Amino acid sequence: MKIPRLFLLASLSLFVRLAAGDVVVFARNDFAILGAGSPVPPRDPAGAAFLAAAQAELGNPPPYDAEYPLINPPSWGRVVNADTAGTLRILRSFAHGLVFHLDTERLQPDHTYVLCINGRPQHPGNELLPESVPGHEAEKYYDFYTVSTDSRGGYHAGCALLLQPGAYNVHFYVKDTTDHKIILYGLEYFDFTVK
């Protein structure tokens, strides 16, 4: 009796995680989905304060102040199809982390993808990201959240990402969970500051 119940709970947890909706990400595998009741605040005061600030910002459509196209990647990535596209809108005035809204089109339907910010050794914030690119250890990145596309290959939601304080100049990528190839590529670096 316990095994089926655990399986059901795990399945529901996965469904909730992958459902499109605004999300607050505290760390990899530590997040709160907004809009379905009140999320339980983290126990630590900093996380609870971040959740409150993110809820206030995402609760009303914020005035995003920069927009960046997401395109098919260079040859080292993988093209889903020629019409795949996306848009990343960011809110630089949010001082507690990175707030953005992501829209994608014509990805693989009902499929999971990982959202990533990627630095460069010579750019601000690179040293604040948690993981090193294999073979290029000085270059850092952060695969921070897994999303699922809808039946038409779209994903549309806002996100607040808790990051270490500092200045950042990073790329935004969307990666396929099956092979970790980049399938949407932010051509431009974008700047923001976390206080």
N, C-alpha and C. Protein backbone atom coordinates (compact mmCIF):
# COMPACT_ATOMS: atom_id res chain seq x y z
N MET A 1 0.82 -1.20 0.00
CA MET A 1 0.00 0.00 0.00
C MET A 1 0.86 1.26 0.00
N LYS A 2 2.01 1.21 0.67
CA LYS A 2 2.87 2.39 0.73
C LYS A 2 3.52 2.69 -0.61
N ILE A 3 3.91 1.66 -1.35
CA ILE A 3 4.60 1.89 -2.62
C ILE A 3 3.71 2.61 -3.62
N PRO A 4 2.45 2.16 -3.86
CA PRO A 4 1.60 2.92 -4.79
C PRO A 4 1.37 4.36 -4.34
N ARG A 5 1.21 4.57 -3.03
CA ARG A 5 1.00 5.93 -2.53
C ARG A 5 2.23 6.80 -2.80
N LEU A 6 3.43 6.25 -2.56
CA LEU A 6 4.65 6.99 -2.85
C LEU A 6 4.77 7.29 -4.33
N PHE A 7 4.41 6.31 -5.16
CA PHE A 7 4.47 6.52 -6.61
C PHE A 7 3.51 7.62 -7.03
N LEU A 8 2.30 7.61 -6.46
CA LEU A 8 1.31 8.63 -6.77
C LEU A 8 1.81 10.01 -6.35
N LEU A 9 2.36 10.10 -5.14
CA LEU A 9 2.88 11.39 -4.68
C LEU A 9 4.02 11.88 -5.55
N ALA A 10 4.91 10.96 -5.94
CA ALA A 10 6.03 11.34 -6.81
C ALA A 10 5.51 11.81 -8.16
N SER A 11 4.49 11.13 -8.69
CA SER A 11 3.92 11.52 -9.98
C SER A 11 3.27 12.89 -9.89
N LEU A 12 2.52 13.14 -8.81
CA LEU A 12 1.89 14.45 -8.64
C LEU A 12 2.94 15.54 -8.48
N SER A 13 4.01 15.24 -7.74
CA SER A 13 5.08 16.21 -7.56
C SER A 13 5.71 16.57 -8.90
N LEU A 14 5.95 15.58 -9.75
CA LEU A 14 6.54 15.83 -11.06
C LEU A 14 5.60 16.66 -11.90
N PHE A 15 4.28 16.34 -11.85
CA PHE A 15 3.32 17.09 -12.63
C PHE A 15 3.31 18.55 -12.21
N VAL A 16 3.30 18.79 -10.89
CA VAL A 16 3.29 20.16 -10.40
C VAL A 16 4.55 20.89 -10.82
N ARG A 17 5.69 20.21 -10.76
CA ARG A 17 6.94 20.84 -11.12
C ARG A 17 6.95 21.25 -12.59
N LEU A 18 6.37 20.42 -13.45
CA LEU A 18 6.47 20.67 -14.87
C LEU A 18 5.32 21.50 -15.42
N ALA A 19 4.30 21.75 -14.62
CA ALA A 19 3.18 22.55 -15.10
C ALA A 19 3.64 23.99 -15.33
N ALA A 20 3.20 24.59 -16.44
CA ALA A 20 3.59 25.96 -16.74
C ALA A 20 2.92 26.89 -15.75
N GLY A 21 3.67 27.75 -15.13
CA GLY A 21 3.17 28.72 -14.17
C GLY A 21 4.35 29.47 -13.62
N ASP A 22 4.10 30.67 -13.11
CA ASP A 22 5.20 31.44 -12.54
C ASP A 22 5.85 30.65 -11.40
N VAL A 23 7.15 30.76 -11.32
CA VAL A 23 7.90 29.95 -10.35
C VAL A 23 8.96 30.80 -9.68
N VAL A 24 9.23 30.49 -8.43
CA VAL A 24 10.34 31.10 -7.69
C VAL A 24 11.35 29.99 -7.44
N VAL A 25 12.58 30.18 -7.91
CA VAL A 25 13.63 29.17 -7.81
C VAL A 25 14.66 29.64 -6.78
N PHE A 26 14.79 28.86 -5.70
CA PHE A 26 15.76 29.18 -4.65
C PHE A 26 17.11 28.54 -4.94
N ALA A 27 17.09 27.34 -5.52
CA ALA A 27 18.28 26.58 -5.89
C ALA A 27 17.79 25.44 -6.78
N ARG A 28 18.71 24.73 -7.39
CA ARG A 28 18.29 23.60 -8.22
C ARG A 28 17.50 22.62 -7.34
N ASN A 29 16.35 22.19 -7.85
CA ASN A 29 15.45 21.27 -7.14
C ASN A 29 14.84 21.87 -5.87
N ASP A 30 14.87 23.19 -5.74
CA ASP A 30 14.25 23.87 -4.60
C ASP A 30 13.52 25.09 -5.16
N PHE A 31 12.19 24.99 -5.27
CA PHE A 31 11.41 26.01 -5.95
C PHE A 31 10.00 26.04 -5.38
N ALA A 32 9.26 27.09 -5.73
CA ALA A 32 7.86 27.22 -5.34
C ALA A 32 7.08 27.66 -6.57
N ILE A 33 6.00 26.93 -6.90
CA ILE A 33 5.11 27.31 -7.99
C ILE A 33 4.10 28.31 -7.43
N LEU A 34 3.91 29.41 -8.13
CA LEU A 34 2.97 30.43 -7.69
C LEU A 34 1.62 30.23 -8.37
N GLY A 35 0.58 30.73 -7.74
CA GLY A 35 -0.74 30.72 -8.35
C GLY A 35 -1.64 29.57 -7.95
N ALA A 36 -1.12 28.57 -7.29
CA ALA A 36 -1.95 27.44 -6.85
C ALA A 36 -1.95 27.41 -5.33
N GLY A 37 -2.59 28.39 -4.72
CA GLY A 37 -2.55 28.50 -3.27
C GLY A 37 -1.29 29.22 -2.83
N SER A 38 -1.11 29.33 -1.56
CA SER A 38 0.06 30.00 -1.02
C SER A 38 1.21 29.02 -0.85
N PRO A 39 2.35 29.25 -1.53
CA PRO A 39 3.48 28.35 -1.33
C PRO A 39 4.02 28.45 0.09
N VAL A 40 4.53 27.35 0.58
CA VAL A 40 5.12 27.34 1.92
C VAL A 40 6.45 28.07 1.86
N PRO A 41 6.62 29.12 2.68
CA PRO A 41 7.88 29.86 2.63
C PRO A 41 9.04 29.01 3.15
N PRO A 42 10.22 29.24 2.60
CA PRO A 42 11.40 28.54 3.13
C PRO A 42 11.62 28.87 4.60
N ARG A 43 12.31 27.99 5.30
CA ARG A 43 12.57 28.22 6.73
C ARG A 43 13.59 29.32 6.98
N ASP A 44 14.54 29.45 6.05
CA ASP A 44 15.55 30.48 6.29
C ASP A 44 14.98 31.86 5.95
N PRO A 45 15.31 32.87 6.73
CA PRO A 45 14.76 34.21 6.53
C PRO A 45 15.07 34.80 5.15
N ALA A 46 16.27 34.54 4.61
CA ALA A 46 16.62 35.09 3.31
C ALA A 46 15.74 34.51 2.21
N GLY A 47 15.50 33.19 2.27
CA GLY A 47 14.62 32.55 1.28
C GLY A 47 13.20 33.03 1.40
N ALA A 48 12.71 33.20 2.62
CA ALA A 48 11.35 33.69 2.84
C ALA A 48 11.20 35.12 2.32
N ALA A 49 12.20 35.95 2.55
CA ALA A 49 12.16 37.33 2.06
C ALA A 49 12.18 37.36 0.53
N PHE A 50 12.98 36.47 -0.07
CA PHE A 50 13.04 36.40 -1.53
C PHE A 50 11.70 35.97 -2.10
N LEU A 51 11.06 34.98 -1.49
CA LEU A 51 9.75 34.52 -1.95
C LEU A 51 8.74 35.66 -1.89
N ALA A 52 8.71 36.40 -0.79
CA ALA A 52 7.76 37.50 -0.64
C ALA A 52 8.00 38.58 -1.70
N ALA A 53 9.27 38.93 -1.94
CA ALA A 53 9.59 39.94 -2.94
C ALA A 53 9.23 39.46 -4.34
N ALA A 54 9.49 38.18 -4.63
CA ALA A 54 9.18 37.62 -5.95
C ALA A 54 7.67 37.56 -6.16
N GLN A 55 6.92 37.15 -5.14
CA GLN A 55 5.47 37.09 -5.26
C GLN A 55 4.89 38.47 -5.54
N ALA A 56 5.41 39.49 -4.86
CA ALA A 56 4.93 40.85 -5.08
C ALA A 56 5.22 41.30 -6.51
N GLU A 57 6.38 40.92 -7.03
CA GLU A 57 6.77 41.34 -8.38
C GLU A 57 5.99 40.58 -9.45
N LEU A 58 5.88 39.25 -9.29
CA LEU A 58 5.22 38.43 -10.31
C LEU A 58 3.71 38.43 -10.17
N GLY A 59 3.20 38.88 -9.01
CA GLY A 59 1.75 38.89 -8.79
C GLY A 59 1.02 39.82 -9.74
N ASN A 60 1.66 40.89 -10.14
CA ASN A 60 1.13 41.80 -11.16
C ASN A 60 2.13 41.76 -12.31
N PRO A 61 1.67 41.83 -13.54
CA PRO A 61 2.65 41.80 -14.65
C PRO A 61 3.68 42.91 -14.47
N PRO A 62 4.93 42.57 -14.21
CA PRO A 62 5.91 43.62 -13.97
C PRO A 62 6.30 44.33 -15.27
N PRO A 63 6.84 45.54 -15.15
CA PRO A 63 7.28 46.28 -16.34
C PRO A 63 8.66 45.81 -16.78
N TYR A 64 8.72 44.73 -17.52
CA TYR A 64 10.02 44.23 -18.00
C TYR A 64 10.71 45.32 -18.80
N ASP A 65 12.01 45.47 -18.57
CA ASP A 65 12.71 46.60 -19.19
C ASP A 65 13.72 46.21 -20.26
N ALA A 66 13.82 44.94 -20.58
CA ALA A 66 14.70 44.51 -21.67
C ALA A 66 14.15 43.22 -22.26
N GLU A 67 14.28 43.09 -23.56
CA GLU A 67 13.78 41.90 -24.25
C GLU A 67 14.87 41.36 -25.18
N TYR A 68 15.05 40.04 -25.16
CA TYR A 68 16.09 39.41 -25.96
C TYR A 68 15.51 38.23 -26.74
N PRO A 69 15.84 38.14 -28.03
CA PRO A 69 15.36 36.99 -28.80
C PRO A 69 16.17 35.75 -28.44
N LEU A 70 15.50 34.60 -28.50
CA LEU A 70 16.16 33.30 -28.37
C LEU A 70 16.04 32.61 -29.72
N ILE A 71 17.15 32.14 -30.24
CA ILE A 71 17.19 31.62 -31.61
C ILE A 71 17.77 30.21 -31.63
N ASN A 72 17.71 29.58 -32.80
CA ASN A 72 18.38 28.29 -32.96
C ASN A 72 19.87 28.47 -32.72
N PRO A 73 20.51 27.49 -32.08
CA PRO A 73 21.91 27.65 -31.68
C PRO A 73 22.89 27.46 -32.83
N PRO A 74 24.15 27.83 -32.59
CA PRO A 74 25.21 27.50 -33.54
C PRO A 74 25.36 25.99 -33.69
N SER A 75 26.31 25.57 -34.47
CA SER A 75 26.46 24.14 -34.83
C SER A 75 26.70 23.24 -33.63
N TRP A 76 27.23 23.77 -32.52
CA TRP A 76 27.48 22.91 -31.36
C TRP A 76 26.21 22.62 -30.57
N GLY A 77 25.10 23.28 -30.92
CA GLY A 77 23.81 22.97 -30.30
C GLY A 77 23.04 22.00 -31.17
N ARG A 78 21.72 22.01 -31.03
CA ARG A 78 20.86 21.15 -31.86
C ARG A 78 19.61 21.92 -32.23
N VAL A 79 19.23 21.85 -33.50
CA VAL A 79 18.04 22.53 -33.99
C VAL A 79 16.85 21.59 -33.89
N VAL A 80 15.80 22.03 -33.19
CA VAL A 80 14.56 21.25 -33.12
C VAL A 80 13.83 21.36 -34.45
N ASN A 81 13.61 22.56 -34.94
CA ASN A 81 13.13 22.81 -36.30
C ASN A 81 13.48 24.24 -36.67
N ALA A 82 13.35 24.59 -37.93
CA ALA A 82 13.80 25.89 -38.41
C ALA A 82 13.00 27.04 -37.81
N ASP A 83 11.77 26.78 -37.36
CA ASP A 83 10.90 27.85 -36.85
C ASP A 83 10.93 27.99 -35.34
N THR A 84 11.75 27.21 -34.65
CA THR A 84 11.83 27.32 -33.19
C THR A 84 12.31 28.72 -32.82
N ALA A 85 11.65 29.31 -31.83
CA ALA A 85 12.01 30.67 -31.41
C ALA A 85 11.59 30.88 -29.97
N GLY A 86 12.08 31.97 -29.42
CA GLY A 86 11.70 32.32 -28.06
C GLY A 86 12.02 33.77 -27.76
N THR A 87 11.50 34.24 -26.63
CA THR A 87 11.76 35.60 -26.17
C THR A 87 12.00 35.56 -24.67
N LEU A 88 13.03 36.26 -24.24
CA LEU A 88 13.34 36.41 -22.83
C LEU A 88 13.18 37.88 -22.49
N ARG A 89 12.30 38.17 -21.53
CA ARG A 89 12.12 39.54 -21.04
C ARG A 89 12.60 39.57 -19.60
N ILE A 90 13.46 40.54 -19.27
CA ILE A 90 14.00 40.60 -17.92
C ILE A 90 13.61 41.90 -17.23
N LEU A 91 13.70 41.87 -15.91
CA LEU A 91 13.37 43.03 -15.08
C LEU A 91 14.62 43.40 -14.29
N ARG A 92 15.35 44.39 -14.77
CA ARG A 92 16.61 44.77 -14.12
C ARG A 92 16.40 45.44 -12.77
N SER A 93 15.22 46.01 -12.54
CA SER A 93 15.00 46.76 -11.30
C SER A 93 14.78 45.85 -10.09
N PHE A 94 14.61 44.54 -10.30
CA PHE A 94 14.44 43.60 -9.18
C PHE A 94 15.82 43.32 -8.60
N ALA A 95 16.08 43.78 -7.38
CA ALA A 95 17.43 43.75 -6.83
C ALA A 95 17.79 42.45 -6.12
N HIS A 96 16.83 41.54 -5.94
CA HIS A 96 17.06 40.36 -5.12
C HIS A 96 17.50 39.13 -5.92
N GLY A 97 17.49 39.21 -7.23
CA GLY A 97 17.83 38.07 -8.08
C GLY A 97 17.49 38.43 -9.51
N LEU A 98 17.21 37.42 -10.33
CA LEU A 98 16.84 37.64 -11.72
C LEU A 98 15.36 37.32 -11.89
N VAL A 99 14.58 38.30 -12.33
CA VAL A 99 13.17 38.09 -12.67
C VAL A 99 13.05 38.19 -14.18
N PHE A 100 12.41 37.20 -14.77
CA PHE A 100 12.24 37.19 -16.22
C PHE A 100 10.94 36.50 -16.60
N HIS A 101 10.54 36.69 -17.85
CA HIS A 101 9.43 35.96 -18.44
C HIS A 101 9.94 35.29 -19.70
N LEU A 102 9.64 34.01 -19.84
CA LEU A 102 10.11 33.22 -20.98
C LEU A 102 8.92 32.80 -21.83
N ASP A 103 9.03 33.04 -23.13
CA ASP A 103 8.07 32.53 -24.11
C ASP A 103 8.83 31.74 -25.15
N THR A 104 8.40 30.51 -25.41
CA THR A 104 9.00 29.71 -26.47
C THR A 104 7.92 29.26 -27.45
N GLU A 105 8.34 28.99 -28.67
CA GLU A 105 7.43 28.53 -29.71
C GLU A 105 8.07 27.40 -30.50
N ARG A 106 7.25 26.44 -30.85
CA ARG A 106 7.61 25.35 -31.76
C ARG A 106 8.80 24.52 -31.30
N LEU A 107 8.89 24.31 -29.99
CA LEU A 107 9.79 23.27 -29.49
C LEU A 107 9.06 21.94 -29.61
N GLN A 108 9.69 20.88 -29.17
CA GLN A 108 9.01 19.58 -29.19
C GLN A 108 7.84 19.62 -28.21
N PRO A 109 6.65 19.22 -28.64
CA PRO A 109 5.48 19.26 -27.74
C PRO A 109 5.62 18.30 -26.56
N ASP A 110 5.06 18.70 -25.42
CA ASP A 110 5.01 17.86 -24.22
C ASP A 110 6.37 17.25 -23.90
N HIS A 111 7.37 18.10 -23.88
CA HIS A 111 8.75 17.65 -23.68
C HIS A 111 9.41 18.51 -22.61
N THR A 112 10.39 17.96 -21.91
CA THR A 112 11.07 18.70 -20.85
C THR A 112 12.38 19.33 -21.33
N TYR A 113 12.61 20.53 -20.82
CA TYR A 113 13.80 21.31 -21.15
C TYR A 113 14.35 21.94 -19.87
N VAL A 114 15.63 22.23 -19.88
CA VAL A 114 16.30 22.85 -18.73
C VAL A 114 16.65 24.29 -19.07
N LEU A 115 16.34 25.20 -18.15
CA LEU A 115 16.71 26.60 -18.31
C LEU A 115 18.09 26.82 -17.71
N CYS A 116 18.89 27.62 -18.39
CA CYS A 116 20.30 27.78 -18.01
C CYS A 116 20.76 29.21 -18.22
N ILE A 117 21.56 29.72 -17.28
CA ILE A 117 22.33 30.94 -17.55
C ILE A 117 23.80 30.53 -17.62
N ASN A 118 24.52 31.16 -18.55
CA ASN A 118 25.89 30.76 -18.85
C ASN A 118 26.78 32.00 -18.84
N GLY A 119 27.90 31.90 -18.15
CA GLY A 119 28.84 33.02 -18.09
C GLY A 119 30.00 32.84 -19.06
N ARG A 120 30.95 33.70 -18.94
CA ARG A 120 32.23 33.62 -19.65
C ARG A 120 33.30 34.07 -18.66
N PRO A 121 34.50 33.50 -18.72
CA PRO A 121 35.52 33.83 -17.73
C PRO A 121 35.81 35.33 -17.60
N GLN A 122 35.74 36.06 -18.69
CA GLN A 122 36.06 37.49 -18.66
C GLN A 122 34.86 38.37 -18.33
N HIS A 123 33.68 37.77 -18.07
CA HIS A 123 32.46 38.55 -17.84
C HIS A 123 32.07 38.56 -16.36
N PRO A 124 31.48 39.67 -15.89
CA PRO A 124 31.02 39.72 -14.50
C PRO A 124 30.01 38.61 -14.19
N GLY A 125 30.10 38.08 -12.99
CA GLY A 125 29.16 37.07 -12.54
C GLY A 125 29.53 35.64 -12.87
N ASN A 126 30.47 35.44 -13.77
CA ASN A 126 30.87 34.07 -14.14
C ASN A 126 31.28 33.28 -12.90
N GLU A 127 32.06 33.92 -12.02
CA GLU A 127 32.57 33.23 -10.83
C GLU A 127 31.47 32.94 -9.80
N LEU A 128 30.30 33.55 -9.97
CA LEU A 128 29.20 33.35 -9.03
C LEU A 128 28.29 32.18 -9.43
N LEU A 129 28.49 31.64 -10.62
CA LEU A 129 27.66 30.52 -11.08
C LEU A 129 28.26 29.21 -10.56
N PRO A 130 27.42 28.20 -10.29
CA PRO A 130 27.89 27.05 -9.51
C PRO A 130 28.61 25.93 -10.25
N GLU A 131 28.48 25.85 -11.59
CA GLU A 131 29.03 24.69 -12.29
C GLU A 131 30.01 25.10 -13.37
N SER A 132 30.99 24.24 -13.64
CA SER A 132 31.97 24.50 -14.69
C SER A 132 31.62 23.72 -15.95
N VAL A 133 31.81 24.36 -17.11
CA VAL A 133 31.58 23.70 -18.39
C VAL A 133 32.66 22.64 -18.57
N PRO A 134 32.28 21.37 -18.80
CA PRO A 134 33.30 20.32 -18.99
C PRO A 134 34.24 20.66 -20.14
N GLY A 135 35.52 20.56 -19.86
CA GLY A 135 36.53 20.89 -20.87
C GLY A 135 36.89 22.36 -20.92
N HIS A 136 36.09 23.20 -20.29
CA HIS A 136 36.33 24.65 -20.23
C HIS A 136 36.02 25.10 -18.80
N GLU A 137 36.77 24.59 -17.84
CA GLU A 137 36.44 24.72 -16.43
C GLU A 137 36.33 26.16 -15.94
N ALA A 138 36.99 27.10 -16.61
CA ALA A 138 36.91 28.51 -16.19
C ALA A 138 35.56 29.13 -16.54
N GLU A 139 34.84 28.51 -17.46
CA GLU A 139 33.52 29.01 -17.86
C GLU A 139 32.45 28.34 -17.00
N LYS A 140 31.60 29.16 -16.38
CA LYS A 140 30.61 28.65 -15.44
C LYS A 140 29.20 28.74 -16.02
N TYR A 141 28.30 27.92 -15.46
CA TYR A 141 26.90 27.95 -15.87
C TYR A 141 26.03 27.50 -14.71
N TYR A 142 24.70 27.62 -14.92
CA TYR A 142 23.75 27.23 -13.89
C TYR A 142 22.49 26.70 -14.57
N ASP A 143 22.32 25.37 -14.57
CA ASP A 143 21.08 24.73 -15.01
C ASP A 143 20.13 24.79 -13.82
N PHE A 144 19.19 25.73 -13.83
CA PHE A 144 18.47 26.02 -12.60
C PHE A 144 17.03 25.52 -12.51
N TYR A 145 16.39 25.16 -13.65
CA TYR A 145 14.99 24.75 -13.54
C TYR A 145 14.56 23.96 -14.77
N THR A 146 13.74 22.94 -14.55
CA THR A 146 13.20 22.11 -15.63
C THR A 146 11.77 22.51 -15.92
N VAL A 147 11.46 22.72 -17.20
CA VAL A 147 10.11 23.10 -17.62
C VAL A 147 9.58 22.07 -18.61
N SER A 148 8.28 22.12 -18.86
CA SER A 148 7.66 21.24 -19.84
C SER A 148 6.86 22.07 -20.82
N THR A 149 7.01 21.80 -22.10
CA THR A 149 6.24 22.51 -23.11
C THR A 149 4.81 21.98 -23.17
N ASP A 150 3.94 22.78 -23.76
CA ASP A 150 2.56 22.36 -23.95
C ASP A 150 2.42 21.52 -25.22
N SER A 151 1.21 21.22 -25.59
CA SER A 151 0.97 20.33 -26.73
C SER A 151 1.35 20.96 -28.06
N ARG A 152 1.64 22.26 -28.06
CA ARG A 152 2.09 22.93 -29.29
C ARG A 152 3.58 23.29 -29.24
N GLY A 153 4.26 22.83 -28.20
CA GLY A 153 5.70 23.11 -28.10
C GLY A 153 6.02 24.47 -27.51
N GLY A 154 5.05 25.07 -26.80
CA GLY A 154 5.27 26.37 -26.20
C GLY A 154 5.45 26.29 -24.69
N TYR A 155 6.10 27.29 -24.16
CA TYR A 155 6.20 27.46 -22.71
C TYR A 155 6.12 28.95 -22.46
N HIS A 156 5.27 29.37 -21.50
CA HIS A 156 5.04 30.79 -21.25
C HIS A 156 4.86 30.98 -19.75
N ALA A 157 5.86 31.54 -19.09
CA ALA A 157 5.77 31.74 -17.64
C ALA A 157 6.83 32.72 -17.17
N GLY A 158 6.58 33.26 -15.97
CA GLY A 158 7.54 34.13 -15.32
C GLY A 158 8.35 33.34 -14.31
N CYS A 159 9.52 33.87 -13.97
CA CYS A 159 10.40 33.18 -13.03
C CYS A 159 11.19 34.21 -12.23
N ALA A 160 11.38 33.92 -10.95
CA ALA A 160 12.30 34.69 -10.11
C ALA A 160 13.38 33.72 -9.64
N LEU A 161 14.62 34.03 -9.93
CA LEU A 161 15.75 33.14 -9.63
C LEU A 161 16.64 33.79 -8.58
N LEU A 162 16.79 33.14 -7.44
CA LEU A 162 17.67 33.62 -6.39
C LEU A 162 19.12 33.35 -6.78
N LEU A 163 19.94 34.39 -6.73
CA LEU A 163 21.36 34.28 -7.09
C LEU A 163 22.21 34.98 -6.04
N GLN A 164 23.50 34.67 -6.06
CA GLN A 164 24.43 35.34 -5.15
C GLN A 164 24.55 36.82 -5.52
N PRO A 165 24.76 37.68 -4.54
CA PRO A 165 24.92 39.11 -4.85
C PRO A 165 26.11 39.36 -5.77
N GLY A 166 25.93 40.33 -6.65
CA GLY A 166 27.00 40.72 -7.56
C GLY A 166 26.46 41.18 -8.90
N ALA A 167 27.36 41.65 -9.76
CA ALA A 167 27.00 42.05 -11.12
C ALA A 167 27.11 40.83 -12.03
N TYR A 168 26.19 40.72 -12.98
CA TYR A 168 26.15 39.59 -13.91
C TYR A 168 26.10 40.09 -15.34
N ASN A 169 26.75 39.34 -16.23
CA ASN A 169 26.66 39.54 -17.67
C ASN A 169 26.68 38.13 -18.28
N VAL A 170 25.51 37.63 -18.65
CA VAL A 170 25.35 36.21 -18.98
C VAL A 170 24.53 36.00 -20.24
N HIS A 171 24.63 34.78 -20.78
CA HIS A 171 23.76 34.27 -21.84
C HIS A 171 22.60 33.51 -21.20
N PHE A 172 21.52 33.31 -21.94
CA PHE A 172 20.42 32.46 -21.52
C PHE A 172 20.27 31.34 -22.54
N TYR A 173 20.18 30.09 -22.05
CA TYR A 173 20.01 28.94 -22.93
C TYR A 173 18.81 28.12 -22.49
N VAL A 174 18.23 27.39 -23.43
CA VAL A 174 17.27 26.33 -23.14
C VAL A 174 17.89 25.05 -23.67
N LYS A 175 18.00 24.03 -22.79
CA LYS A 175 18.65 22.77 -23.16
C LYS A 175 17.64 21.62 -23.13
N ASP A 176 17.85 20.65 -24.01
CA ASP A 176 17.02 19.45 -24.01
C ASP A 176 17.46 18.55 -22.86
N THR A 177 16.51 17.98 -22.14
CA THR A 177 16.87 17.10 -21.02
C THR A 177 17.39 15.76 -21.48
N THR A 178 17.12 15.36 -22.72
CA THR A 178 17.54 14.02 -23.16
C THR A 178 19.03 13.96 -23.49
N ASP A 179 19.58 15.03 -24.07
CA ASP A 179 21.00 14.99 -24.45
C ASP A 179 21.77 16.22 -23.97
N HIS A 180 21.11 17.13 -23.26
CA HIS A 180 21.70 18.36 -22.71
C HIS A 180 22.24 19.30 -23.78
N LYS A 181 21.80 19.12 -25.02
CA LYS A 181 22.18 20.04 -26.09
C LYS A 181 21.38 21.33 -25.97
N ILE A 182 22.00 22.44 -26.31
CA ILE A 182 21.31 23.73 -26.33
C ILE A 182 20.41 23.77 -27.55
N ILE A 183 19.13 24.09 -27.33
CA ILE A 183 18.19 24.14 -28.46
C ILE A 183 17.60 25.54 -28.66
N LEU A 184 17.73 26.41 -27.69
CA LEU A 184 17.44 27.83 -27.86
C LEU A 184 18.60 28.62 -27.25
N TYR A 185 19.05 29.61 -27.97
CA TYR A 185 20.30 30.30 -27.67
C TYR A 185 20.04 31.79 -27.59
N GLY A 186 20.41 32.41 -26.47
CA GLY A 186 20.35 33.86 -26.36
C GLY A 186 21.60 34.45 -26.97
N LEU A 187 21.47 35.05 -28.12
CA LEU A 187 22.62 35.55 -28.86
C LEU A 187 23.35 36.65 -28.09
N GLU A 188 22.61 37.46 -27.35
CA GLU A 188 23.20 38.59 -26.63
C GLU A 188 23.43 38.25 -25.16
N TYR A 189 24.52 38.77 -24.62
CA TYR A 189 24.69 38.78 -23.16
C TYR A 189 23.76 39.84 -22.60
N PHE A 190 23.30 39.63 -21.37
CA PHE A 190 22.50 40.67 -20.73
C PHE A 190 23.01 40.91 -19.32
N ASP A 191 22.84 42.15 -18.86
CA ASP A 191 23.37 42.60 -17.58
C ASP A 191 22.24 42.74 -16.55
N PHE A 192 22.57 42.43 -15.32
CA PHE A 192 21.71 42.73 -14.19
C PHE A 192 22.57 42.66 -12.94
N THR A 193 22.06 43.21 -11.84
CA THR A 193 22.82 43.22 -10.59
C THR A 193 21.95 42.70 -9.47
N VAL A 194 22.51 41.83 -8.65
CA VAL A 194 21.83 41.30 -7.48
C VAL A 194 22.49 41.93 -6.25
N LYS A 195 21.66 42.51 -5.37
CA LYS A 195 22.21 43.20 -4.19
C LYS A 195 22.04 42.35 -2.94
